[in-house]
Protein backbone atom coordinates (compact mmCIF):
# COMPACT_ATOMS: atom_id res chain seq x y z
CA VAL A 1 -14.18 -3.47 5.19
CA GLN A 2 -13.66 0.29 4.90
CA LEU A 3 -10.15 1.59 4.31
CA GLN A 4 -8.72 5.01 5.09
CA ALA A 5 -5.32 5.96 3.73
CA SER A 6 -3.39 8.82 5.28
CA GLY A 7 0.12 10.16 5.75
CA GLY A 8 0.79 11.71 2.37
CA GLY A 9 2.34 15.11 1.93
CA LEU A 10 5.02 17.20 0.30
CA VAL A 11 8.61 16.14 0.87
CA GLN A 12 11.98 16.89 -0.68
CA ALA A 13 13.87 14.28 -2.65
CA GLY A 14 15.71 11.97 -0.28
CA GLY A 15 13.12 12.41 2.43
CA SER A 16 10.76 9.92 4.05
CA LEU A 17 7.06 9.47 4.64
CA ARG A 18 4.98 6.77 6.28
CA LEU A 19 1.57 6.04 4.86
CA SER A 20 -1.10 4.37 6.96
CA CYS A 21 -4.09 2.31 5.86
CA ALA A 22 -6.54 2.01 8.72
CA ALA A 23 -9.43 -0.43 8.47
CA SER A 24 -12.87 -0.49 10.02
CA GLY A 25 -15.73 -2.92 9.78
CA SER A 26 -13.55 -6.00 9.53
CA THR A 27 -10.26 -7.49 10.66
CA LEU A 28 -7.58 -6.45 8.21
CA SER A 29 -5.36 -9.45 8.99
CA THR A 30 -7.84 -11.67 7.14
CA TYR A 31 -7.02 -9.83 3.89
CA ALA A 32 -4.01 -9.39 1.70
CA VAL A 33 -3.44 -5.63 1.65
CA GLY A 34 -1.72 -3.79 -1.15
CA TRP A 35 -0.55 -0.30 -1.95
CA PHE A 36 -0.94 1.06 -5.45
CA ARG A 37 -0.14 4.46 -6.91
CA GLN A 38 -1.22 6.56 -9.84
CA ALA A 39 0.79 9.44 -11.22
CA PRO A 40 -0.82 12.10 -13.43
CA GLY A 41 -1.35 10.80 -16.94
CA LYS A 42 -0.30 7.27 -16.01
CA GLU A 43 -2.09 4.07 -15.15
CA ARG A 44 -2.32 2.89 -11.59
CA GLU A 45 0.56 0.59 -10.66
CA PHE A 46 1.38 -1.92 -7.97
CA VAL A 47 3.72 -0.79 -5.18
CA ALA A 48 3.67 -3.41 -2.42
CA VAL A 49 1.53 -6.09 -0.82
CA ILE A 50 1.47 -7.94 2.50
CA ASN A 51 -0.29 -11.29 2.64
CA ARG A 52 -2.29 -12.81 5.46
CA GLY A 53 0.78 -14.70 6.65
CA GLY A 54 2.85 -11.52 6.85
CA GLY A 55 4.92 -12.13 3.74
CA THR A 56 5.63 -9.14 1.52
CA ARG A 57 6.27 -8.26 -2.11
CA HIS A 58 7.51 -4.95 -3.45
CA ALA A 59 7.69 -3.54 -6.94
CA GLU A 60 11.20 -3.44 -8.39
CA SER A 61 11.05 0.34 -8.59
CA VAL A 62 10.69 0.67 -4.81
CA LYS A 63 12.68 -2.31 -3.52
CA GLY A 64 15.17 -1.28 -0.88
CA ARG A 65 13.40 2.05 -0.36
CA PHE A 66 9.81 1.18 0.60
CA THR A 67 8.66 -1.32 3.21
CA ILE A 68 5.13 -2.55 3.79
CA SER A 69 4.15 -3.81 7.23
CA ARG A 70 1.07 -4.42 9.34
CA ASP A 71 0.06 -3.89 12.95
CA ASN A 72 -2.79 -6.29 13.63
CA ALA A 73 -3.50 -4.76 17.03
CA LYS A 74 -4.18 -1.43 15.33
CA ASN A 75 -5.88 -2.99 12.31
CA THR A 76 -3.55 -0.94 10.14
CA VAL A 77 -1.09 -1.50 7.31
CA TYR A 78 1.81 0.86 6.75
CA LEU A 79 4.04 1.83 3.85
CA GLN A 80 7.35 3.26 5.00
CA MET A 81 8.87 5.23 2.14
CA ASN A 82 12.52 6.27 2.34
CA SER A 83 14.88 7.89 -0.16
CA LEU A 84 11.93 9.36 -2.00
CA GLU A 85 12.42 10.47 -5.59
CA PRO A 86 10.39 12.87 -7.75
CA GLY A 87 9.26 9.82 -9.71
CA ASP A 88 7.42 8.60 -6.60
CA THR A 89 5.00 11.51 -6.87
CA ALA A 90 1.52 10.02 -7.15
CA LEU A 91 -1.80 9.42 -5.49
CA TYR A 92 -1.32 6.38 -3.26
CA TYR A 93 -4.15 3.94 -2.60
CA CYS A 94 -4.46 1.03 -0.23
CA ALA A 95 -6.64 -1.93 -1.15
CA ALA A 96 -7.73 -5.21 0.42
CA ASP A 97 -8.09 -8.60 -1.25
CA ARG A 98 -10.24 -11.16 0.51
CA LEU A 99 -8.80 -14.30 -0.99
CA PRO A 100 -10.84 -17.52 -0.85
CA ALA A 101 -10.32 -19.53 2.32
CA TYR A 102 -8.82 -22.45 0.37
CA MET A 103 -5.93 -20.29 -0.84
CA SER A 104 -2.70 -20.22 1.08
CA ARG A 105 -2.40 -17.44 3.62
CA PHE A 106 0.84 -16.59 1.85
CA SER A 107 -0.91 -15.86 -1.43
CA SER A 108 -1.12 -12.32 -2.79
CA SER A 109 -1.73 -10.50 -6.03
CA THR A 110 -0.04 -7.57 -7.73
CA SER A 111 -3.05 -7.02 -10.01
CA GLU A 112 -5.42 -4.27 -8.98
CA SER A 113 -8.36 -6.16 -10.49
CA ASP A 114 -8.06 -8.75 -7.72
CA TYR A 115 -8.68 -6.21 -4.96
CA GLU A 116 -12.27 -5.76 -3.90
CA TYR A 117 -11.96 -2.93 -1.39
CA TRP A 118 -10.26 0.40 -1.93
CA GLY A 119 -9.63 3.43 0.20
CA ARG A 120 -9.43 6.99 -1.03
CA GLY A 121 -5.98 7.97 -2.11
CA THR A 122 -3.45 10.06 -0.25
CA GLN A 123 -1.24 12.40 -2.26
CA VAL A 124 2.53 12.10 -2.13
CA THR A 125 4.53 14.86 -3.80
CA VAL A 126 8.31 14.73 -3.94
CA SER A 127 10.12 17.89 -4.96
CA SER A 128 13.58 17.88 -6.53
């Protein structure tokens, strides 16, 4: 599967952005799909994941502000980001995890090492 992340940009604190992760070459609903981010000088960190069953997990730092969702008809996963803060400034990546068939469709990982497929990042910059 090939992933293409888009939707980043420059926004003022308190603003909103919606990131998209469009897939080609495979059906994205057969993967758990996560968003990760990396700020300058920091390690990449987990943001959110949606499993094959549609269940979601969000990092504590973004709970209540970010929402991950998927549109299977468009083969796309979204990250709606509201109430953005300067601390959200980072390069955002989407990634896909093809879990083994024997694992529950509600399984997902927050560890980047479990994700086999990565898109190029999209930059999000939040000004104060």
